Protein backbone atom coordinates (compact mmCIF):
# COMPACT_ATOMS: atom_id res chain seq x y z
CA MET A 1 133.04 179.17 83.10
CA LYS A 2 134.28 175.94 84.70
CA ARG A 3 136.78 178.03 86.82
CA MET A 4 133.97 180.23 88.03
CA ARG A 5 131.89 177.22 88.92
CA LYS A 6 134.76 175.72 90.85
CA ILE A 7 135.29 178.88 92.78
CA PHE A 8 131.54 179.16 93.51
CA TYR A 9 131.52 175.48 94.79
CA GLY A 10 134.59 176.10 96.75
CA VAL A 11 133.05 179.03 98.49
CA ILE A 12 129.97 177.05 99.34
CA VAL A 13 132.01 174.19 100.78
CA LEU A 14 133.95 176.82 102.92
CA ILE A 15 130.84 178.40 104.19
CA LEU A 16 129.39 174.93 105.07
CA LEU A 17 132.71 174.01 106.75
CA GLY A 18 132.44 177.25 108.67
CA VAL A 19 128.86 176.63 109.76
CA VAL A 20 129.73 173.09 110.88
CA ALA A 21 132.78 174.39 112.75
CA ILE A 22 130.63 176.99 114.60
CA LEU A 23 127.92 174.40 115.41
CA ILE A 24 130.51 171.99 116.83
CA TYR A 25 132.06 174.75 118.84
CA LEU A 26 128.62 175.92 120.17
CA ALA A 27 127.73 172.28 120.92
CA SER A 28 130.94 172.02 123.03
CA GLN A 29 129.98 175.04 125.12
CA LYS A 30 126.65 173.59 126.17
CA PRO A 31 126.15 172.55 129.77
CA HIS A 32 126.46 168.71 130.21
CA TYR A 33 123.21 167.26 131.20
CA SER A 34 124.43 163.64 131.30
CA GLY A 35 127.58 161.62 131.93
CA SER A 36 130.02 161.49 134.77
CA VAL A 37 132.53 164.11 135.99
CA LYS A 38 135.35 163.68 138.52
CA MET A 39 135.61 166.56 140.99
CA ARG A 40 138.13 167.41 143.64
CA GLY A 41 136.41 168.35 146.84
CA LEU A 42 133.45 165.98 146.90
CA ILE A 43 133.32 163.58 149.78
CA ASN A 44 131.08 161.02 148.27
CA GLU A 45 129.37 160.55 144.83
CA VAL A 46 126.53 162.88 144.06
CA GLU A 47 123.74 162.18 141.49
CA VAL A 48 122.28 165.08 139.47
CA ILE A 49 119.30 164.50 137.28
CA TYR A 50 118.05 167.28 134.87
CA ASP A 51 114.34 167.13 134.27
CA TYR A 52 112.58 168.09 131.03
CA TYR A 53 112.56 171.70 132.01
CA GLY A 54 116.32 171.93 132.71
CA VAL A 55 115.85 171.79 136.56
CA PRO A 56 118.62 169.93 138.39
CA HIS A 57 117.56 167.41 141.11
CA ILE A 58 120.60 166.86 143.25
CA TYR A 59 120.88 163.77 145.48
CA ALA A 60 123.89 163.67 147.88
CA GLU A 61 124.85 161.87 151.11
CA SER A 62 125.83 165.06 152.99
CA GLU A 63 125.00 168.82 153.16
CA GLU A 64 128.36 169.92 151.97
CA ASP A 65 128.34 167.53 148.83
CA ALA A 66 124.75 168.88 147.96
CA TYR A 67 125.88 172.40 148.00
CA PHE A 68 129.12 171.72 146.12
CA ALA A 69 127.15 170.16 143.38
CA LEU A 70 124.66 173.10 143.33
CA GLY A 71 127.47 175.41 142.91
CA PHE A 72 128.91 173.34 139.99
CA VAL A 73 125.64 173.08 138.10
CA HIS A 74 124.70 176.76 138.83
CA ALA A 75 128.07 177.90 137.46
CA GLN A 76 127.66 175.52 134.43
CA ASP A 77 124.22 176.87 133.59
CA ARG A 78 124.40 180.58 134.61
CA LEU A 79 128.12 181.64 134.85
CA PHE A 80 127.79 184.58 132.52
CA GLN A 81 124.82 185.75 134.36
CA MET A 82 126.78 185.51 137.65
CA GLU A 83 129.64 187.44 136.06
CA MET A 84 127.50 190.24 134.93
CA THR A 85 125.64 190.58 138.07
CA LYS A 86 128.78 190.92 140.11
CA ARG A 87 130.07 193.47 137.59
CA VAL A 88 126.88 195.58 137.68
CA VAL A 89 126.84 195.90 141.45
CA SER A 90 130.57 196.48 141.83
CA GLY A 91 130.72 198.93 139.01
CA GLN A 92 132.96 196.98 136.52
CA LEU A 93 130.96 197.02 133.38
CA SER A 94 133.03 199.62 131.62
CA GLU A 95 136.01 197.25 131.82
CA ILE A 96 134.33 194.97 129.31
CA LEU A 97 131.71 197.17 127.58
CA GLY A 98 133.54 200.47 127.16
CA ALA A 99 132.94 204.12 128.10
CA ASP A 100 129.19 203.99 127.61
CA PHE A 101 128.86 202.43 130.95
CA ILE A 102 131.14 204.86 133.02
CA LYS A 103 128.00 206.57 134.52
CA VAL A 104 126.43 203.31 135.50
CA ASP A 105 129.72 202.20 137.19
CA ALA A 106 130.03 205.50 138.95
CA PHE A 107 126.54 205.18 140.34
CA PHE A 108 127.01 201.73 141.84
CA LYS A 109 130.56 202.49 143.11
CA THR A 110 129.15 205.61 144.91
CA LEU A 111 126.64 203.48 146.78
CA GLY A 112 129.55 201.31 147.98
CA PHE A 113 128.26 197.84 147.48
CA GLU A 114 131.77 196.29 147.30
CA GLU A 115 132.57 197.65 150.67
CA HIS A 116 129.26 196.54 152.11
CA ALA A 117 129.82 193.03 150.83
CA GLU A 118 133.42 192.99 152.25
CA ASP A 119 132.10 194.04 155.54
CA ALA A 120 129.75 191.06 155.53
CA VAL A 121 132.56 188.70 154.63
CA LYS A 122 134.67 189.98 157.59
CA LYS A 123 131.74 189.83 160.07
CA PHE A 124 129.96 186.54 159.03
CA MET A 125 132.32 184.50 156.93
CA SER A 126 135.62 184.76 158.68
CA SER A 127 135.41 181.13 159.83
CA ASP A 128 134.03 177.91 158.42
CA SER A 129 132.49 176.35 161.73
CA LEU A 130 128.66 177.30 161.46
CA PRO A 131 126.35 175.32 159.19
CA TYR A 132 125.53 178.25 156.92
CA GLN A 133 129.43 178.96 156.48
CA LYS A 134 130.13 175.34 155.67
CA ALA A 135 127.31 175.24 153.11
CA ALA A 136 128.21 178.61 151.52
CA ASN A 137 131.92 177.64 151.22
CA ALA A 138 130.99 174.25 149.76
CA TYR A 139 128.85 176.02 147.19
CA LEU A 140 131.59 178.36 146.32
CA LYS A 141 134.07 175.41 145.77
CA GLY A 142 131.62 173.87 143.46
CA VAL A 143 131.27 177.15 141.47
CA ASN A 144 135.16 177.35 141.07
CA GLN A 145 135.46 173.72 140.16
CA PHE A 146 133.53 174.60 137.09
CA ILE A 147 135.41 177.74 136.52
CA VAL A 148 138.65 175.94 136.67
CA THR A 149 137.71 172.74 134.78
CA GLY A 150 134.60 173.52 132.79
CA SER A 151 134.22 174.97 129.29
CA THR A 152 134.28 178.65 128.68
CA PRO A 153 130.79 180.14 127.94
CA VAL A 154 130.52 181.62 124.54
CA GLU A 155 129.67 185.04 126.05
CA PHE A 156 133.09 185.22 127.59
CA VAL A 157 134.81 184.36 124.25
CA MET A 158 132.78 187.13 122.44
CA LEU A 159 133.62 189.69 124.96
CA GLY A 160 137.21 188.54 125.13
CA ILE A 161 137.22 188.21 128.96
CA ASP A 162 138.64 185.52 131.12
CA LYS A 163 136.77 183.46 133.59
CA LYS A 164 137.95 184.34 137.17
CA GLU A 165 137.24 182.31 140.21
CA PHE A 166 134.46 183.49 142.50
CA THR A 167 134.73 184.62 146.07
CA ILE A 168 132.50 184.97 148.99
CA LYS A 169 132.28 188.68 148.27
CA ASP A 170 130.88 187.82 144.91
CA MET A 171 128.08 185.89 146.38
CA TYR A 172 127.06 188.72 148.65
CA LEU A 173 127.01 191.12 145.62
CA SER A 174 124.27 189.06 144.15
CA THR A 175 121.99 190.07 147.07
CA GLU A 176 123.05 193.73 146.85
CA TYR A 177 121.47 193.96 143.43
CA MET A 178 118.15 192.67 144.85
CA ALA A 179 118.25 195.20 147.61
CA PHE A 180 118.89 198.10 145.04
CA ASN A 181 115.95 197.03 143.02
CA PHE A 182 113.62 197.19 145.86
CA ALA A 183 114.66 200.65 147.09
CA MET A 184 111.91 202.64 145.18
CA ALA A 185 113.00 205.96 146.69
CA PHE A 186 115.76 206.17 144.11
CA ARG A 187 113.00 206.45 141.51
CA THR A 188 110.51 208.45 143.33
CA ASP A 189 111.85 210.90 145.88
CA PRO A 190 113.67 213.17 143.23
CA ILE A 191 110.50 213.81 141.24
CA MET A 192 108.36 214.23 144.36
CA THR A 193 110.71 216.92 145.57
CA PHE A 194 110.70 218.61 142.27
CA ILE A 195 106.94 218.75 142.17
CA GLU A 196 106.79 220.17 145.80
CA ARG A 197 109.52 222.70 145.32
CA LYS A 198 109.08 223.74 141.60
CA LEU A 199 105.42 223.32 140.99
CA GLY A 200 103.96 224.06 144.54
CA ALA A 201 102.15 222.55 147.28
CA SER A 202 98.80 222.29 145.42
CA TYR A 203 100.41 220.03 142.73
CA PHE A 204 102.13 217.99 145.47
CA ARG A 205 98.89 217.52 147.23
CA ASP A 206 97.37 216.11 144.13
CA MET A 207 100.21 213.49 143.83
CA ILE A 208 100.57 212.59 147.47
CA THR A 209 97.72 211.77 149.78
CA SER A 210 97.25 210.21 153.11
CA HIS A 211 95.99 206.69 153.08
CA LEU A 212 92.45 206.46 151.85
CA ASP A 213 89.93 204.91 154.05
CA SER A 214 88.32 203.35 150.84
CA SER A 215 91.61 201.47 149.92
CA ILE A 216 91.94 197.93 150.96
CA THR A 217 94.97 196.90 153.16
CA ILE A 218 96.58 193.74 154.17
CA PRO A 219 95.19 192.86 157.48
CA CYS A 220 97.31 192.52 160.54
CA ILE A 221 96.28 190.70 163.70
CA SER A 222 99.32 190.87 165.87
CA TYR A 223 99.31 192.95 169.06
CA VAL A 224 102.06 195.18 170.23
CA SER A 225 103.06 197.39 173.20
CA ASP A 226 101.77 200.90 173.47
CA SER A 227 105.27 202.06 174.29
CA LEU A 228 106.22 202.19 170.51
CA ARG A 229 103.83 204.17 168.43
CA MET A 230 104.09 205.87 165.09
CA PRO A 231 101.96 209.18 164.56
CA ILE A 232 99.41 208.39 161.95
CA ASP A 233 99.45 211.98 160.56
CA SER A 234 103.19 211.70 159.73
CA ILE A 235 102.69 209.21 156.96
CA ARG A 236 101.63 209.74 153.39
CA ASN A 237 101.30 207.15 150.73
CA ASN A 238 103.11 207.63 147.48
CA LYS A 239 102.08 205.98 144.33
CA VAL A 240 104.06 207.95 141.72
CA SER A 241 107.28 207.05 139.87
CA ALA A 242 109.34 208.97 137.28
CA LEU A 243 112.00 208.53 134.59
CA ASN A 244 115.26 209.45 136.23
CA THR A 245 118.86 208.16 136.70
CA VAL A 246 117.90 204.78 138.12
CA ASN A 247 115.40 204.06 135.39
CA THR A 248 118.08 204.84 132.87
CA ILE A 249 120.44 202.60 134.62
CA LEU A 250 118.14 199.83 134.68
CA ASP A 251 117.46 200.05 130.99
CA LYS A 252 121.18 199.91 130.27
CA VAL A 253 122.30 196.95 132.64
CA PRO A 254 122.39 193.51 131.04
CA ILE A 255 120.36 191.82 133.88
CA SER A 256 116.71 191.99 134.70
CA PRO A 257 115.12 194.37 137.34
CA PHE A 258 112.76 193.10 140.03
CA THR A 259 109.18 194.38 140.16
CA GLY A 260 106.10 193.58 142.12
CA SER A 261 104.35 190.29 142.98
CA ASN A 262 101.19 188.51 144.10
CA ALA A 263 100.96 185.86 146.87
CA TRP A 264 98.08 184.23 148.77
CA ILE A 265 97.69 181.36 151.23
CA VAL A 266 94.55 179.52 152.22
CA SER A 267 94.38 177.67 155.47
CA PRO A 268 92.74 174.17 155.93
CA LYS A 269 89.54 175.66 157.16
CA LYS A 270 88.90 177.09 153.60
CA SER A 271 90.41 174.24 151.58
CA GLN A 272 88.37 171.22 150.56
CA SER A 273 91.29 168.92 151.10
CA GLY A 274 91.98 170.14 154.61
CA LYS A 275 95.42 171.14 153.45
CA VAL A 276 97.07 174.55 153.07
CA LEU A 277 96.87 176.01 149.57
CA PHE A 278 99.57 178.34 148.38
CA GLY A 279 100.27 180.50 145.43
CA ASN A 280 103.05 183.00 144.59
CA ASP A 281 103.69 185.00 141.35
CA THR A 282 106.90 186.90 141.46
CA HIS A 283 106.59 189.74 138.82
CA ILE A 284 110.25 189.76 137.60
CA GLY A 285 111.07 191.28 134.25
CA PHE A 286 111.53 188.69 131.41
CA SER A 287 115.14 187.77 130.64
CA GLN A 288 117.02 184.95 129.13
CA PRO A 289 118.29 183.37 131.36
CA SER A 290 115.63 184.18 133.85
CA VAL A 291 116.30 185.76 137.20
CA TRP A 292 115.38 182.67 139.17
CA TYR A 293 117.37 179.36 139.06
CA GLU A 294 115.27 176.34 140.14
CA ALA A 295 116.94 173.47 141.86
CA HIS A 296 116.09 170.56 144.05
CA LEU A 297 118.37 169.26 146.78
CA GLU A 298 118.15 165.94 148.59
CA TYR A 299 120.44 164.69 151.39
CA PRO A 300 119.76 162.86 154.60
CA GLY A 301 117.39 164.88 156.78
CA PHE A 302 116.89 167.56 154.03
CA SER A 303 114.53 167.62 151.01
CA PHE A 304 114.22 171.07 149.30
CA TYR A 305 113.04 172.69 146.09
CA GLY A 306 113.70 176.39 145.63
CA ASN A 307 114.30 179.39 143.38
CA PHE A 308 117.88 180.76 143.74
CA LEU A 309 119.59 184.01 142.68
CA ALA A 310 122.49 183.63 140.30
CA GLY A 311 125.63 183.12 142.35
CA PHE A 312 123.95 182.71 145.87
CA PRO A 313 123.75 179.37 147.64
CA PHE A 314 120.41 179.51 149.53
CA ALA A 315 117.06 180.03 147.92
CA ALA A 316 114.76 183.16 148.36
CA ILE A 317 111.65 181.07 147.61
CA GLY A 318 111.02 177.42 148.12
CA HIS A 319 109.37 174.52 149.82
CA THR A 320 110.45 171.40 151.88
CA ARG A 321 108.28 168.47 152.96
CA GLU A 322 107.10 170.40 155.90
CA MET A 323 106.59 173.97 154.69
CA VAL A 324 106.32 176.36 151.79
CA TRP A 325 106.93 180.02 151.43
CA GLY A 326 107.08 182.88 148.85
CA LEU A 327 107.82 186.55 148.60
CA THR A 328 106.35 189.85 147.36
CA MET A 329 108.00 193.24 147.63
CA LEU A 330 107.03 194.98 150.84
CA GLU A 331 107.52 198.51 149.07
CA ASN A 332 108.43 200.02 152.45
CA ASP A 333 110.45 203.31 152.47
CA ASP A 334 113.74 202.58 153.92
CA LEU A 335 115.73 205.23 152.30
CA ASP A 336 115.86 209.04 152.78
CA PHE A 337 117.68 211.79 150.97
CA TYR A 338 119.31 214.69 152.83
CA SER A 339 120.25 218.15 151.61
CA GLU A 340 123.92 218.86 152.79
CA ARG A 341 125.14 222.47 153.12
CA LEU A 342 128.73 222.45 152.15
CA LYS A 343 131.20 225.13 153.41
CA PRO A 344 131.79 227.95 150.78
CA GLY A 345 135.40 227.70 149.50
CA ASP A 346 135.96 224.31 151.19
CA SER A 347 133.61 221.50 149.99
CA SER A 348 135.35 218.97 152.33
CA LEU A 349 133.23 220.38 155.16
CA TYR A 350 129.48 220.17 155.75
CA TRP A 351 127.24 221.98 158.31
CA SER A 352 125.64 219.75 160.99
CA ASP A 353 123.86 220.99 164.18
CA GLY A 354 125.93 224.15 164.52
CA SER A 355 129.42 223.21 163.43
CA TRP A 356 131.45 222.26 160.30
CA LYS A 357 132.22 218.58 160.03
CA SER A 358 134.61 216.83 157.70
CA LEU A 359 133.17 214.74 154.79
CA SER A 360 134.96 211.35 154.49
CA LYS A 361 136.48 210.88 151.15
CA VAL A 362 137.74 207.91 149.11
CA ASN A 363 139.00 207.60 145.53
CA LYS A 364 137.81 204.64 143.46
CA ILE A 365 139.04 203.54 140.08
CA ILE A 366 136.77 202.82 137.22
CA LYS A 367 138.63 200.57 134.51
CA VAL A 368 137.41 201.46 130.96
CA LYS A 369 137.92 199.18 127.90
CA ASP A 370 140.32 200.67 125.37
CA GLU A 371 140.61 203.89 127.39
CA GLU A 372 142.17 205.36 130.44
CA ASP A 373 141.03 204.58 133.76
CA VAL A 374 138.73 207.09 135.41
CA THR A 375 139.13 208.21 139.04
CA LEU A 376 135.87 208.65 141.02
CA THR A 377 135.91 210.49 144.25
CA VAL A 378 133.17 209.39 146.78
CA ARG A 379 132.36 211.74 149.62
CA SER A 380 130.13 210.89 152.58
CA SER A 381 128.34 212.67 155.38
CA ARG A 382 127.03 211.17 158.57
CA HIS A 383 123.96 210.02 156.62
CA GLY A 384 125.78 208.25 153.78
CA PRO A 385 127.33 208.99 150.37
CA LEU A 386 126.73 212.08 148.43
CA MET A 387 124.64 211.08 145.45
CA ASP A 388 124.10 214.34 143.42
CA ASP A 389 126.96 213.81 141.03
CA VAL A 390 125.56 210.51 139.92
CA MET A 391 121.95 211.54 140.22
CA PRO A 392 122.04 214.84 138.43
CA GLU A 393 118.19 215.24 138.69
CA TRP A 394 118.88 216.51 142.24
CA LYS A 395 120.54 219.66 140.82
CA GLN A 396 117.07 220.72 139.43
CA VAL A 397 115.90 221.19 143.02
CA THR A 398 118.80 222.20 145.16
CA SER A 399 122.25 223.67 144.82
CA ASN A 400 123.32 221.67 147.98
CA ALA A 401 124.87 218.30 147.91
CA VAL A 402 122.48 215.42 148.46
CA SER A 403 123.24 212.30 150.52
CA ILE A 404 121.28 209.08 151.43
CA TRP A 405 120.45 207.28 154.58
CA TRP A 406 119.70 203.76 153.51
CA THR A 407 118.87 201.15 155.99
CA HIS A 408 120.51 198.46 153.77
CA LEU A 409 123.79 200.18 154.06
CA LYS A 410 123.64 201.05 157.72
CA PHE A 411 123.66 197.36 158.72
CA SER A 412 125.90 194.36 157.84
CA ASN A 413 124.37 192.12 155.06
CA ASN A 414 123.17 189.11 156.92
CA LEU A 415 121.18 187.48 154.10
CA MET A 416 123.46 184.46 154.00
CA GLN A 417 122.37 183.25 157.39
CA VAL A 418 118.84 184.62 157.04
CA THR A 419 118.09 182.56 153.94
CA TYR A 420 119.90 179.46 155.28
CA GLU A 421 117.80 179.50 158.30
CA MET A 422 114.56 179.94 156.28
CA ASN A 423 115.61 177.07 153.95
CA HIS A 424 116.41 174.74 156.90
CA ALA A 425 113.52 175.69 159.36
CA LYS A 426 111.59 172.72 160.76
CA ASN A 427 108.50 174.52 161.88
CA LEU A 428 106.60 177.93 162.18
CA GLY A 429 108.77 179.16 165.17
CA GLU A 430 112.12 178.45 163.45
CA PHE A 431 110.97 179.95 160.26
CA GLN A 432 109.62 183.16 162.01
CA HIS A 433 113.02 183.49 163.75
CA GLY A 434 114.83 183.63 160.36
CA VAL A 435 112.33 186.02 159.00
CA SER A 436 112.83 188.28 161.99
CA GLN A 437 116.48 188.64 161.40
CA LEU A 438 115.96 190.17 157.89
CA ILE A 439 117.28 193.80 157.63
CA SER A 440 116.95 194.56 153.95
CA PRO A 441 115.28 194.51 151.47
CA GLY A 442 111.70 194.82 152.81
CA LEU A 443 109.79 191.73 151.83
CA ASN A 444 106.27 190.34 152.44
CA VAL A 445 107.08 186.73 153.41
CA MET A 446 104.21 184.25 152.97
CA TYR A 447 104.25 180.93 154.75
CA GLY A 448 102.32 177.68 155.02
CA ASP A 449 103.07 174.31 156.52
CA ARG A 450 101.80 170.71 156.92
CA GLU A 451 100.50 171.58 160.30
CA GLY A 452 98.02 173.90 158.81
CA ASN A 453 99.70 177.08 159.83
CA ILE A 454 99.57 180.06 157.49
CA ALA A 455 101.27 183.40 157.95
CA TRP A 456 102.39 186.70 156.50
CA TRP A 457 105.14 188.87 157.87
CA ALA A 458 106.23 192.36 156.61
CA ALA A 459 110.02 191.61 157.15
CA GLY A 460 112.78 194.12 157.25
CA ARG A 461 113.99 196.93 159.76
CA LEU A 462 111.40 199.64 159.83
CA MET A 463 112.70 203.07 160.72
CA LYS A 464 111.46 205.40 163.45
CA ARG A 465 110.99 208.93 162.09
CA ALA A 466 110.00 212.14 163.59
CA ALA A 467 106.33 213.22 163.08
CA SER A 468 107.44 216.21 161.04
CA VAL A 469 109.50 214.05 158.50
CA ASN A 470 107.82 213.35 155.10
CA PRO A 471 110.11 210.74 153.76
CA VAL A 472 109.30 211.11 150.17
CA LEU A 473 110.84 214.64 150.08
CA LEU A 474 114.30 215.88 150.30
CA LEU A 475 115.11 216.50 153.98
CA ASP A 476 117.26 219.04 155.79
CA GLY A 477 120.58 217.42 156.51
CA THR A 478 121.71 219.99 158.97
CA LYS A 479 119.37 218.98 161.71
CA TYR A 480 119.88 215.79 163.69
CA SER A 481 116.18 215.87 164.65
CA LEU A 482 115.35 214.83 161.16
CA ASP A 483 117.52 211.83 161.18
CA PRO A 484 115.85 208.31 161.83
CA SER A 485 115.85 207.84 165.74
CA GLY A 486 116.05 204.10 165.60
CA TYR A 487 114.29 200.92 164.32
CA LEU A 488 110.99 199.15 165.38
CA ASP A 489 111.40 195.77 166.94
CA PHE A 490 110.25 193.06 164.65
CA SER A 491 107.17 192.42 166.94
CA MET A 492 106.11 195.85 165.73
CA ASN A 493 106.13 194.96 162.04
CA PRO A 494 102.74 194.41 160.27
CA GLN A 495 102.07 190.68 160.34
CA SER A 496 99.36 188.02 160.53
CA VAL A 497 99.59 184.49 161.77
CA ASN A 498 96.69 182.07 161.58
CA PRO A 499 94.12 184.82 161.09
CA PRO A 500 90.38 184.03 161.68
CA SER A 501 89.60 184.86 157.96
CA GLY A 502 91.53 181.75 156.88
CA PHE A 503 93.68 183.39 154.35
CA VAL A 504 96.58 185.77 153.90
CA TYR A 505 97.59 187.65 150.80
CA SER A 506 99.83 190.33 149.45
CA ALA A 507 99.72 192.37 146.24
CA ASN A 508 102.31 195.09 147.12
CA ASN A 509 99.50 197.00 148.61
CA GLN A 510 99.57 198.99 151.84
CA PRO A 511 99.77 196.85 154.97
CA ASP A 512 97.13 197.70 157.67
CA THR A 513 98.15 199.58 160.80
CA MET A 514 99.45 197.61 163.93
CA PRO A 515 97.71 198.56 167.15
CA GLY A 516 98.87 201.87 168.31
CA GLN A 517 100.54 202.72 165.07
CA GLY A 518 99.79 204.57 161.92
CA PHE A 519 100.36 203.53 158.30
CA TYR A 520 104.08 202.75 157.63
CA PRO A 521 105.41 204.96 154.75
CA GLY A 522 106.22 203.29 151.46
CA TYR A 523 105.63 203.08 147.76
CA TYR A 524 102.72 200.64 147.84
CA THR A 525 100.88 199.85 144.52
CA PRO A 526 97.35 200.66 143.85
CA ASP A 527 94.95 198.09 145.48
CA ASP A 528 93.22 196.83 142.31
CA ARG A 529 94.87 193.36 142.50
CA ALA A 530 94.34 193.28 146.20
CA ILE A 531 90.58 193.90 145.81
CA ARG A 532 90.31 191.17 143.29
CA ILE A 533 92.19 188.69 145.51
CA ASN A 534 90.25 189.57 148.57
CA LYS A 535 86.92 189.40 146.98
CA LEU A 536 87.52 185.91 145.63
CA PHE A 537 88.71 184.58 148.97
CA GLU A 538 86.10 186.25 151.07
CA GLU A 539 83.02 185.46 149.04
CA LYS A 540 83.32 181.62 149.11
CA LYS A 541 83.69 179.24 151.89
CA TYR A 542 85.91 176.54 150.42
CA PHE A 543 88.46 176.09 147.64
CA PHE A 544 90.00 173.21 146.03
CA VAL A 545 93.05 172.83 143.63
CA GLY A 546 92.22 173.14 139.92
CA ARG A 547 94.61 172.18 137.16
CA PHE A 548 97.28 173.57 135.05
CA THR A 549 96.03 174.69 131.52
CA LYS A 550 97.50 176.57 128.59
CA ASN A 551 96.01 179.59 127.03
CA LYS A 552 97.00 182.48 124.89
CA TYR A 553 98.79 184.16 127.89
CA GLY A 554 100.86 181.10 129.00
CA CYS A 555 100.10 178.79 131.73
CA SER A 556 97.30 179.37 134.25
CA PHE A 557 96.82 177.65 137.50
CA SER A 558 93.34 177.82 138.88
CA ILE A 559 91.96 177.62 142.48
CA TYR A 560 88.20 177.08 142.32
CA PRO A 561 85.65 177.71 144.98
CA LYS A 562 83.73 174.72 146.08
CA SER A 563 80.52 176.01 144.53
CA GLY A 564 79.84 178.61 141.75
CA ASN A 565 81.95 179.39 138.68
CA HIS A 566 84.37 181.94 139.99
CA HIS A 567 88.11 181.07 140.09
CA PHE A 568 91.40 182.60 141.04
CA GLU A 569 94.30 182.29 138.65
CA PHE A 570 97.65 183.62 137.94
CA TYR A 571 99.95 183.49 134.96
CA SER A 572 103.51 182.46 134.33
CA LEU A 573 104.69 183.87 131.10
């Protein structure tokens, strides 16, 4: 009996020792929020103060030191998230998670995000002379400083993978995932084509209608030349999504997708304080850690607070002492699918405007944990990569190959310099110039500043399409006439700067027409949120800032009219 008791106590002691050892190990892996660290690469001392919410406030004597420190703390807090993001987009999940992710990897490798990022590195980051290049390289040095000298996050240990130094290409890959999330055609066009071809035109008409006059739109007040017009009858507004390959992929990948958002700005003329009032609620799927990484940077001549993507040096949303801006998804349609007729007996050729042309072909390797490598052959037409092998739903509507024309892949990724210019703009003109350079993804950019200016821009390159093209349906790839004929100049994009109404807003709803144009095609959401926002801001003359309160939904921030009991609020869960 005594022996059994000794064994029992011995087991208890071993368990307690094991628990203590695990707790000590886990504690050693936590980010360091106090103390001092010596780092090679810093020019001067940098102070980083973490607040109650875990937000780092970085105080430096130079821009490069500030971004070096940002890279270090970003890697310290989010290294595994950064690792998973680059693996998702580059098609390297199977290497650490096994064969269940081969289809996911094949999809992303077919899109060619790695090559797209490499192109951007060669074109925009081959030197270190421009301000955005210096800041980005300083950030990268900070990330790698932690990777080399910092502790290994427990997720790496659990998966049995090593930390690897980051590259400029990896930073671009972070933005590729954002662009993919915003390309709604991946989810919508296959099911729309299925309805039209398999169920008939009457069913299709029930699902797809022209813009309804009863629907509220985001008002535009800019004026454009009559030389560039878009036929109004060529546009149809699609509000349908479906379960398909992309939905399945987003359910599997270990990082959160992006969704819609709300944003509004009140000008001084409708503000009791005489200052601009601003609100932005980005509807991004809940995750731990969250998609956004908040950080505050201070160095001589620069004071900035923003929301960053994991592994990217410049913020998508933020404010300085002079201005503030936010984002919602534009929901514009910048991706078309094409049916490609391959030559019988020789699938290396496709028919294009009267002759057979060669598909380009490249072999890519998918590494698979505990299994043999898989070779993926990616073929491309003049439109882009063939997608039917990785999107099998297309085989339900056509026996032809299916390719994509995606604006994002047709231009080099310039988000590094675009976001840097937005972060460092000093006035409305400089900020608008940065916004005008955005290619993809399509965004509603909302802006306000201390001078009292407010603005909204539908940012991104908007395609010119023939009047006969319905972009939600599979198009005939044999005809050049159905290809995009070019892109609109930014001045043609829907936008509103200092409107007479005294406010601008976006709820992912349809932008109004620019003079001389029709409605630009997209996957705009129903206008219920827009109606509510518009009503609240139209019916009252003045607004003032309320207070943050807590309720069963989370935290609400209220903007109250000067009279009456109506209020506008949004929730952060």
